[in-house]
Amino acid sequence: MASVQAAASPDPFALSRELLEAVLADRLSDRFVCELIWPRLGYAQNGSGIWSAGPAAGAVWRESFPIEPQFIAERPPSVALTRSIPKEHKQLLKEQLGFAGYRIGELYPRRTRRATAVNWLLAHLAERGEPLPESGPLPALREVPADPVAGHPGDLPIS
């Protein structure tokens, strides 16, 4: 898989500790979580709202996932994302956010894939030598879904 160093598109949503903790707390839609990753991975949004692998995306990403990989809803893109995190950055979730993981009753694919997404984002920052600010812009936060398996209204079903 391509390294987390893929070129970013012009203005991806700014990352902060506060934002990443909201992802882990399931306070943002699955789509929003993917939209944090796609531009940093080299995907660009076309006129119809679909994200496609652009020239900045690594060849493996372009070939395996030519259009917006659903990192939360689908297992193969989540596995590819995990494998693209350099070994030296695999523990950033724990080291930088103090995240010890979900409890047994909270282990749902949506949540574990969110943890993968956050770890990838932390690795992306680390590879670029960028710090993680404590706070920054936040979208409107949602309530934690009543059904953590189904997620938020509009989230794709998990496969």
Protein backbone atom coordinates (compact mmCIF):
# COMPACT_ATOMS: atom_id res chain seq x y z
CA MET A 1 0.00 0.00 0.00
CA ALA A 2 1.06 3.57 -0.54
CA SER A 3 2.62 5.36 2.36
CA VAL A 4 0.69 7.86 4.40
CA GLN A 5 2.79 10.55 2.73
CA ALA A 6 0.42 10.99 -0.23
CA ALA A 7 0.06 14.61 -1.23
CA ALA A 8 -2.89 16.42 0.24
CA SER A 9 -5.50 18.22 -1.79
CA PRO A 10 -5.70 21.99 -1.26
CA ASP A 11 -7.86 22.30 1.83
CA PRO A 12 -8.65 19.14 3.79
CA PHE A 13 -10.49 19.72 7.06
CA ALA A 14 -7.96 20.75 9.73
CA LEU A 15 -7.04 18.05 12.22
CA SER A 16 -6.89 18.56 15.98
CA ARG A 17 -6.91 16.41 19.09
CA GLU A 18 -10.47 17.60 19.74
CA LEU A 19 -11.62 16.50 16.26
CA LEU A 20 -9.93 13.09 16.44
CA GLU A 21 -11.43 12.45 19.87
CA ALA A 22 -14.87 13.27 18.38
CA VAL A 23 -14.22 10.62 15.70
CA LEU A 24 -13.35 8.05 18.38
CA ALA A 25 -16.41 9.05 20.43
CA ASP A 26 -18.65 8.43 17.36
CA ARG A 27 -19.84 12.04 17.25
CA LEU A 28 -19.31 12.45 13.47
CA SER A 29 -20.76 10.61 10.48
CA ASP A 30 -18.84 7.80 8.85
CA ARG A 31 -18.74 9.84 5.62
CA PHE A 32 -17.13 12.77 7.41
CA VAL A 33 -14.47 10.44 8.80
CA CYS A 34 -13.73 9.22 5.27
CA GLU A 35 -13.62 12.82 4.03
CA LEU A 36 -10.84 13.49 6.53
CA ILE A 37 -8.77 10.76 4.86
CA TRP A 38 -9.62 10.91 1.16
CA PRO A 39 -7.92 14.23 0.31
CA ARG A 40 -4.89 13.35 2.42
CA LEU A 41 -4.62 10.07 0.54
CA GLY A 42 -4.73 11.81 -2.85
CA TYR A 43 -8.41 11.54 -3.73
CA ALA A 44 -10.26 14.51 -5.23
CA GLN A 45 -13.95 15.22 -5.43
CA ASN A 46 -15.45 15.48 -8.90
CA GLY A 47 -18.44 17.56 -9.99
CA SER A 48 -20.92 14.84 -9.03
CA GLY A 49 -19.61 14.63 -5.46
CA ILE A 50 -17.70 11.36 -5.93
CA TRP A 51 -14.13 11.18 -4.66
CA SER A 52 -11.75 9.59 -7.18
CA ALA A 53 -8.13 8.56 -6.82
CA GLY A 54 -6.08 11.31 -8.39
CA PRO A 55 -2.46 11.37 -9.51
CA ALA A 56 -1.33 12.03 -5.91
CA ALA A 57 -2.88 8.76 -4.74
CA GLY A 58 -0.45 5.85 -4.81
CA ALA A 59 -0.77 3.37 -7.66
CA VAL A 60 -2.03 0.65 -5.33
CA TRP A 61 -4.81 2.91 -4.05
CA ARG A 62 -5.74 3.98 -7.60
CA GLU A 63 -5.90 0.37 -8.77
CA SER A 64 -7.56 -1.15 -5.70
CA PHE A 65 -9.95 1.69 -4.89
CA PRO A 66 -10.40 4.01 -7.89
CA ILE A 67 -13.35 5.71 -6.20
CA GLU A 68 -13.90 6.71 -2.58
CA PRO A 69 -12.98 3.75 -0.39
CA GLN A 70 -15.51 3.34 2.40
CA PHE A 71 -13.10 2.97 5.31
CA ILE A 72 -15.82 2.54 7.92
CA ALA A 73 -18.50 0.61 6.02
CA GLU A 74 -16.27 -1.88 4.21
CA ARG A 75 -13.57 -4.17 5.55
CA PRO A 76 -11.14 -4.28 2.57
CA PRO A 77 -10.46 -0.51 2.54
CA SER A 78 -10.08 -0.51 6.33
CA VAL A 79 -7.56 -3.36 6.13
CA ALA A 80 -5.66 -1.52 3.37
CA LEU A 81 -5.61 1.63 5.50
CA THR A 82 -4.24 -0.31 8.47
CA ARG A 83 -1.53 -1.87 6.33
CA SER A 84 -0.52 1.53 4.96
CA ILE A 85 0.42 2.83 8.42
CA PRO A 86 4.20 2.55 8.85
CA LYS A 87 5.20 0.22 11.68
CA GLU A 88 6.81 3.03 13.68
CA HIS A 89 3.45 4.85 13.78
CA LYS A 90 1.17 1.94 14.71
CA GLN A 91 0.94 3.04 18.37
CA LEU A 92 0.25 6.76 17.84
CA LEU A 93 -3.37 6.39 18.89
CA LYS A 94 -2.21 5.23 22.30
CA GLU A 95 0.86 7.45 22.51
CA GLN A 96 -0.66 10.75 21.38
CA LEU A 97 -4.30 10.43 22.41
CA GLY A 98 -3.95 8.02 25.32
CA PHE A 99 -6.53 5.80 23.64
CA ALA A 100 -6.54 2.40 25.32
CA GLY A 101 -9.14 0.93 22.96
CA TYR A 102 -12.81 0.21 23.28
CA ARG A 103 -14.24 -1.98 26.01
CA ILE A 104 -15.54 -5.43 25.13
CA GLY A 105 -19.16 -4.22 24.93
CA GLU A 106 -18.10 -1.40 22.59
CA LEU A 107 -16.25 -3.52 20.03
CA TYR A 108 -18.17 -2.97 16.83
CA PRO A 109 -16.61 -2.87 13.35
CA ARG A 110 -17.65 0.79 12.93
CA ARG A 111 -15.80 1.81 16.06
CA THR A 112 -12.65 -0.24 15.50
CA ARG A 113 -12.47 1.11 11.94
CA ARG A 114 -12.77 4.64 13.34
CA ALA A 115 -9.77 3.92 15.54
CA THR A 116 -7.88 2.77 12.43
CA ALA A 117 -8.87 6.00 10.65
CA VAL A 118 -7.64 8.14 13.53
CA ASN A 119 -4.37 6.21 13.74
CA TRP A 120 -3.85 6.69 10.00
CA LEU A 121 -4.49 10.44 10.35
CA LEU A 122 -1.98 10.65 13.21
CA ALA A 123 0.56 8.72 11.12
CA HIS A 124 -0.07 11.07 8.21
CA LEU A 125 0.77 14.05 10.42
CA ALA A 126 3.83 12.28 11.85
CA GLU A 127 5.17 11.38 8.39
CA ARG A 128 4.87 15.03 7.39
CA GLY A 129 6.43 16.29 10.62
CA GLU A 130 3.28 18.22 11.50
CA PRO A 131 2.11 18.68 15.09
CA LEU A 132 -1.39 17.80 16.28
CA PRO A 133 -3.04 20.98 17.62
CA GLU A 134 -5.15 20.62 20.77
CA SER A 135 -8.15 22.32 19.19
CA GLY A 136 -9.33 23.58 15.84
CA PRO A 137 -12.45 23.86 13.75
CA LEU A 138 -15.16 21.31 14.46
CA PRO A 139 -18.20 20.44 12.39
CA ALA A 140 -21.52 20.18 14.22
CA LEU A 141 -21.15 17.19 16.52
CA ARG A 142 -23.85 14.54 16.51
CA GLU A 143 -25.25 12.54 19.37
CA VAL A 144 -23.66 9.14 19.82
CA PRO A 145 -25.82 6.73 17.79
CA ALA A 146 -28.40 4.81 19.80
CA ASP A 147 -27.43 1.74 17.75
CA PRO A 148 -23.63 1.67 17.40
CA VAL A 149 -23.88 -1.09 14.80
CA ALA A 150 -26.11 0.96 12.48
CA GLY A 151 -24.41 4.28 13.20
CA HIS A 152 -25.76 7.70 12.34
CA PRO A 153 -28.64 8.36 9.93
CA GLY A 154 -27.16 8.15 6.44
CA ASP A 155 -24.18 5.98 7.41
CA LEU A 156 -23.69 3.06 5.04
CA PRO A 157 -24.40 -0.44 6.36
CA ILE A 158 -21.34 -2.31 7.56
CA SER A 159 -20.03 -5.17 5.46
